[in-house]
Amino acid sequence: MGRKSLKETRQQEIIDVFYRVAKKEGYENTSIAKIAKVMEVNPSLIIHYFETKEDLTYALIDHILERYLLIYTIKHQDQATLRNLQNTIEMLFSKKWNLLFDDGLFYTFYALIFREHKIKVKYKMILDSLRQGLAAIIEQCNAKALTSVKDPQTTADLIFVLVDGAYFYLSLESDKAAYAERLSYYKQKAYEALAIPQLTVAGAVAGS
């Protein structure tokens, strides 16, 4: 894989600052001028790469997809193991997964799908990609007789319905013990849908 060009590097820097500013001050209160101030550059430099705030938003949503797809860390295609599947479930129902992207921004952008078709298309791409990635792992495990899931795509969809619903509901929970208990319950249901044993804490550490 080649090195990033200066343009790609600069764009990523701008996207990262946009994310930090929007996370701190809210998407509605974030402007190109504020981003430029934090970066200590002239706003014209940002406009050179992203003409509008909407262009920046689209780029950040693409960045969300890249970050979420990091859960699929299989090095070689078609070589998924039961441990890979277990580790993926552990990751999905973990604090690390929930912190990959700020909830406030995620749901702010999600609300925009009802007004902007392009954002709706991008969000669907994110959710479809995540489901397809999990379904592919299940299919590979089925092929090796490690699992016997009748419909990998439907099962992957069900698990992400659990994930999406869990974090939306748990974002309202301020009791840490109750949060952990409910998240563990949802994770157990995902394991039950796959009919595979749950990974122990020691196993999760060893397989990570």
Foldseek 3Di string as FASTA:
>chain_A
DDDDDPLVVVLVVLLVLLQVCCLVPNNVPDALVVSCVVVVHDSVVVCVNPVGVVSSVLVNLVVLLVLLVVLQPDPDALPAEPLSLLLSLVCLLDPNNVVSGDPRVVVVLVVCVVPDVSSVVSVVVSVVVQLVSSLRNLVSCVVVVVFPQPRSSVLSVVLVVLSVVLVVVLVPPPDPVVNVVSSVVSSVVSCVNRVDDHQDPVRSVVSD
